[in-house]
Every structure is written in C-alpha cells, then in structure tokens.
Amino acid sequence: MFKNLRAEMARKKVSVGELAAVLGVRYATASEKLNGHSRFYYEEATKIRKHFFPECQLEYLFEQSEYTKTG
C-alpha cells in the first residue's frame, strides 16, 4: 500500500473515484493499484502528482510500505 499517497489523498479529500477518473481506469483498477495488487506505471504516477499533488515529490508519494514490497 502507498501510505503517503493515501495520506495526501485524505488531506485533500481526493477519492479513489477521482483518481480513477484522472487515470481513465475503473474504480476497481485504481483501488488495486493503491493497495499494491497492481502496479502504477510511471505515466500514471506523474499524472496523479501533476493533477492532485504538485507540491509533493514523486518518490514520497509512491514510497511503498515494507510489507507490500515484492522481490
């Protein structure tokens, strides 16, 4: 899970539905990505940052929690 991204979403009241709309994906797909079950592509990550969180660094937003890292 992306705890920093989730925290920033909560601060700015950005919903999973809004994230999905900006990415052009289904709600379920956005939810899977947020939960670490599916990956965010670089283009998606930069789109999220630019649209919702321009004040945050990409590395901060998409830092993964230790228990969700794979490999």
N, C-alpha and C. Protein backbone atom coordinates (compact mmCIF):
# COMPACT_ATOMS: atom_id res chain seq x y z
N MET A 1 0.84 -1.18 0.00
CA MET A 1 0.00 0.00 0.00
C MET A 1 0.89 1.25 0.00
N PHE A 2 0.40 2.28 -0.59
CA PHE A 2 1.12 3.55 -0.68
C PHE A 2 0.60 4.48 0.41
N LYS A 3 1.19 4.36 1.60
CA LYS A 3 0.67 5.11 2.75
C LYS A 3 0.77 6.62 2.57
N ASN A 4 1.83 7.10 1.93
CA ASN A 4 1.97 8.55 1.73
C ASN A 4 0.94 9.07 0.74
N LEU A 5 0.72 8.33 -0.32
CA LEU A 5 -0.30 8.72 -1.30
C LEU A 5 -1.67 8.72 -0.64
N ARG A 6 -1.96 7.70 0.13
CA ARG A 6 -3.25 7.63 0.84
C ARG A 6 -3.41 8.81 1.81
N ALA A 7 -2.34 9.15 2.52
CA ALA A 7 -2.39 10.26 3.47
C ALA A 7 -2.66 11.59 2.75
N GLU A 8 -1.98 11.80 1.64
CA GLU A 8 -2.20 13.03 0.87
C GLU A 8 -3.61 13.07 0.28
N MET A 9 -4.10 11.92 -0.15
CA MET A 9 -5.47 11.85 -0.66
C MET A 9 -6.46 12.23 0.43
N ALA A 10 -6.23 11.76 1.64
CA ALA A 10 -7.11 12.08 2.76
C ALA A 10 -7.04 13.57 3.09
N ARG A 11 -5.84 14.13 3.10
CA ARG A 11 -5.67 15.56 3.40
C ARG A 11 -6.43 16.44 2.42
N LYS A 12 -6.37 16.07 1.15
CA LYS A 12 -7.00 16.89 0.11
C LYS A 12 -8.39 16.39 -0.27
N LYS A 13 -8.85 15.35 0.43
CA LYS A 13 -10.17 14.76 0.18
C LYS A 13 -10.32 14.30 -1.28
N VAL A 14 -9.28 13.61 -1.76
CA VAL A 14 -9.30 13.03 -3.11
C VAL A 14 -9.78 11.60 -2.97
N SER A 15 -10.83 11.25 -3.68
CA SER A 15 -11.39 9.90 -3.60
C SER A 15 -10.72 8.96 -4.61
N VAL A 16 -10.91 7.68 -4.38
CA VAL A 16 -10.41 6.68 -5.33
C VAL A 16 -11.10 6.88 -6.68
N GLY A 17 -12.36 7.25 -6.66
CA GLY A 17 -13.11 7.52 -7.89
C GLY A 17 -12.51 8.66 -8.69
N GLU A 18 -12.10 9.72 -8.01
CA GLU A 18 -11.46 10.85 -8.69
C GLU A 18 -10.12 10.44 -9.29
N LEU A 19 -9.37 9.65 -8.55
CA LEU A 19 -8.10 9.14 -9.04
C LEU A 19 -8.32 8.30 -10.30
N ALA A 20 -9.32 7.42 -10.23
CA ALA A 20 -9.66 6.56 -11.38
C ALA A 20 -10.04 7.40 -12.60
N ALA A 21 -10.81 8.44 -12.37
CA ALA A 21 -11.26 9.29 -13.48
C ALA A 21 -10.08 9.98 -14.17
N VAL A 22 -9.14 10.48 -13.39
CA VAL A 22 -7.97 11.15 -13.96
C VAL A 22 -7.10 10.16 -14.74
N LEU A 23 -7.00 8.93 -14.23
CA LEU A 23 -6.20 7.91 -14.90
C LEU A 23 -6.92 7.26 -16.07
N GLY A 24 -8.24 7.40 -16.11
CA GLY A 24 -9.02 6.78 -17.17
C GLY A 24 -9.15 5.28 -16.99
N VAL A 25 -9.25 4.86 -15.72
CA VAL A 25 -9.40 3.44 -15.41
C VAL A 25 -10.65 3.24 -14.54
N ARG A 26 -11.03 1.99 -14.37
CA ARG A 26 -12.17 1.68 -13.50
C ARG A 26 -11.80 1.93 -12.04
N TYR A 27 -12.81 2.13 -11.22
CA TYR A 27 -12.62 2.31 -9.77
C TYR A 27 -11.85 1.13 -9.20
N ALA A 28 -12.24 -0.09 -9.58
CA ALA A 28 -11.60 -1.29 -9.05
C ALA A 28 -10.12 -1.34 -9.42
N THR A 29 -9.79 -0.90 -10.61
CA THR A 29 -8.39 -0.89 -11.06
C THR A 29 -7.58 0.09 -10.22
N ALA A 30 -8.11 1.29 -9.99
CA ALA A 30 -7.42 2.29 -9.16
C ALA A 30 -7.24 1.76 -7.74
N SER A 31 -8.25 1.10 -7.22
CA SER A 31 -8.17 0.53 -5.88
C SER A 31 -7.09 -0.55 -5.79
N GLU A 32 -7.01 -1.40 -6.80
CA GLU A 32 -5.98 -2.45 -6.83
C GLU A 32 -4.59 -1.84 -6.86
N LYS A 33 -4.42 -0.77 -7.60
CA LYS A 33 -3.13 -0.09 -7.68
C LYS A 33 -2.77 0.52 -6.32
N LEU A 34 -3.72 1.18 -5.69
CA LEU A 34 -3.47 1.80 -4.38
C LEU A 34 -3.12 0.77 -3.31
N ASN A 35 -3.70 -0.41 -3.43
CA ASN A 35 -3.46 -1.46 -2.44
C ASN A 35 -2.24 -2.30 -2.76
N GLY A 36 -1.55 -1.99 -3.85
CA GLY A 36 -0.33 -2.71 -4.19
C GLY A 36 -0.54 -4.02 -4.90
N HIS A 37 -1.77 -4.30 -5.33
CA HIS A 37 -2.06 -5.55 -6.03
C HIS A 37 -1.76 -5.44 -7.52
N SER A 38 -1.63 -4.24 -7.99
CA SER A 38 -1.32 -3.96 -9.38
C SER A 38 -0.38 -2.77 -9.38
N ARG A 39 0.45 -2.64 -10.39
CA ARG A 39 1.45 -1.58 -10.37
C ARG A 39 0.96 -0.26 -10.98
N PHE A 40 1.53 0.81 -10.49
CA PHE A 40 1.34 2.11 -11.12
C PHE A 40 2.44 2.25 -12.16
N TYR A 41 2.09 2.64 -13.35
CA TYR A 41 3.09 2.94 -14.37
C TYR A 41 3.58 4.36 -14.15
N TYR A 42 4.77 4.65 -14.62
CA TYR A 42 5.38 5.96 -14.43
C TYR A 42 4.46 7.08 -14.92
N GLU A 43 3.86 6.88 -16.07
CA GLU A 43 2.97 7.90 -16.65
C GLU A 43 1.78 8.16 -15.73
N GLU A 44 1.26 7.10 -15.11
CA GLU A 44 0.14 7.25 -14.19
C GLU A 44 0.56 8.02 -12.94
N ALA A 45 1.73 7.66 -12.42
CA ALA A 45 2.23 8.32 -11.21
C ALA A 45 2.45 9.81 -11.45
N THR A 46 3.03 10.15 -12.59
CA THR A 46 3.27 11.57 -12.87
C THR A 46 1.96 12.32 -13.11
N LYS A 47 1.00 11.65 -13.70
CA LYS A 47 -0.31 12.28 -13.91
C LYS A 47 -1.00 12.57 -12.57
N ILE A 48 -0.93 11.62 -11.65
CA ILE A 48 -1.52 11.80 -10.32
C ILE A 48 -0.84 12.96 -9.60
N ARG A 49 0.48 12.97 -9.63
CA ARG A 49 1.22 14.04 -8.96
C ARG A 49 0.87 15.40 -9.57
N LYS A 50 0.91 15.49 -10.87
CA LYS A 50 0.66 16.77 -11.54
C LYS A 50 -0.76 17.28 -11.28
N HIS A 51 -1.73 16.38 -11.31
CA HIS A 51 -3.13 16.78 -11.18
C HIS A 51 -3.53 17.10 -9.73
N PHE A 52 -3.08 16.26 -8.79
CA PHE A 52 -3.55 16.39 -7.41
C PHE A 52 -2.52 16.93 -6.43
N PHE A 53 -1.24 16.57 -6.60
CA PHE A 53 -0.24 16.85 -5.57
C PHE A 53 1.04 17.45 -6.14
N PRO A 54 0.97 18.56 -6.83
CA PRO A 54 2.18 19.13 -7.45
C PRO A 54 3.24 19.57 -6.44
N GLU A 55 2.84 19.74 -5.20
CA GLU A 55 3.79 20.17 -4.17
C GLU A 55 4.59 19.01 -3.58
N CYS A 56 4.23 17.79 -3.91
CA CYS A 56 4.88 16.59 -3.36
C CYS A 56 5.86 15.98 -4.36
N GLN A 57 6.89 15.37 -3.83
CA GLN A 57 7.84 14.66 -4.68
C GLN A 57 7.26 13.29 -5.06
N LEU A 58 7.54 12.87 -6.27
CA LEU A 58 7.05 11.58 -6.76
C LEU A 58 7.52 10.43 -5.87
N GLU A 59 8.79 10.49 -5.47
CA GLU A 59 9.35 9.43 -4.63
C GLU A 59 8.62 9.32 -3.30
N TYR A 60 8.24 10.45 -2.74
CA TYR A 60 7.50 10.46 -1.48
C TYR A 60 6.11 9.85 -1.67
N LEU A 61 5.39 10.29 -2.67
CA LEU A 61 4.03 9.81 -2.88
C LEU A 61 3.97 8.31 -3.10
N PHE A 62 4.93 7.78 -3.84
CA PHE A 62 4.85 6.38 -4.25
C PHE A 62 5.82 5.46 -3.52
N GLU A 63 6.26 5.91 -2.35
CA GLU A 63 7.08 5.06 -1.50
C GLU A 63 6.17 3.94 -0.96
N GLN A 64 6.64 2.72 -1.09
CA GLN A 64 5.81 1.59 -0.65
C GLN A 64 6.12 1.22 0.78
N SER A 65 5.10 0.76 1.48
CA SER A 65 5.28 0.23 2.83
C SER A 65 6.09 -1.05 2.72
N GLU A 66 6.88 -1.34 3.75
CA GLU A 66 7.76 -2.51 3.72
C GLU A 66 7.01 -3.81 3.45
N TYR A 67 5.83 -3.97 4.03
CA TYR A 67 5.12 -5.23 3.88
C TYR A 67 4.49 -5.42 2.51
N THR A 68 4.50 -4.41 1.67
CA THR A 68 3.92 -4.58 0.33
C THR A 68 4.98 -4.68 -0.76
N LYS A 69 6.25 -4.49 -0.39
CA LYS A 69 7.31 -4.57 -1.41
C LYS A 69 7.47 -6.01 -1.85
N THR A 70 7.68 -6.16 -3.14
CA THR A 70 7.88 -7.51 -3.68
C THR A 70 9.29 -7.62 -4.23
N GLY A 71 9.76 -8.87 -4.32
CA GLY A 71 11.06 -9.12 -4.95
C GLY A 71 12.14 -9.07 -4.03
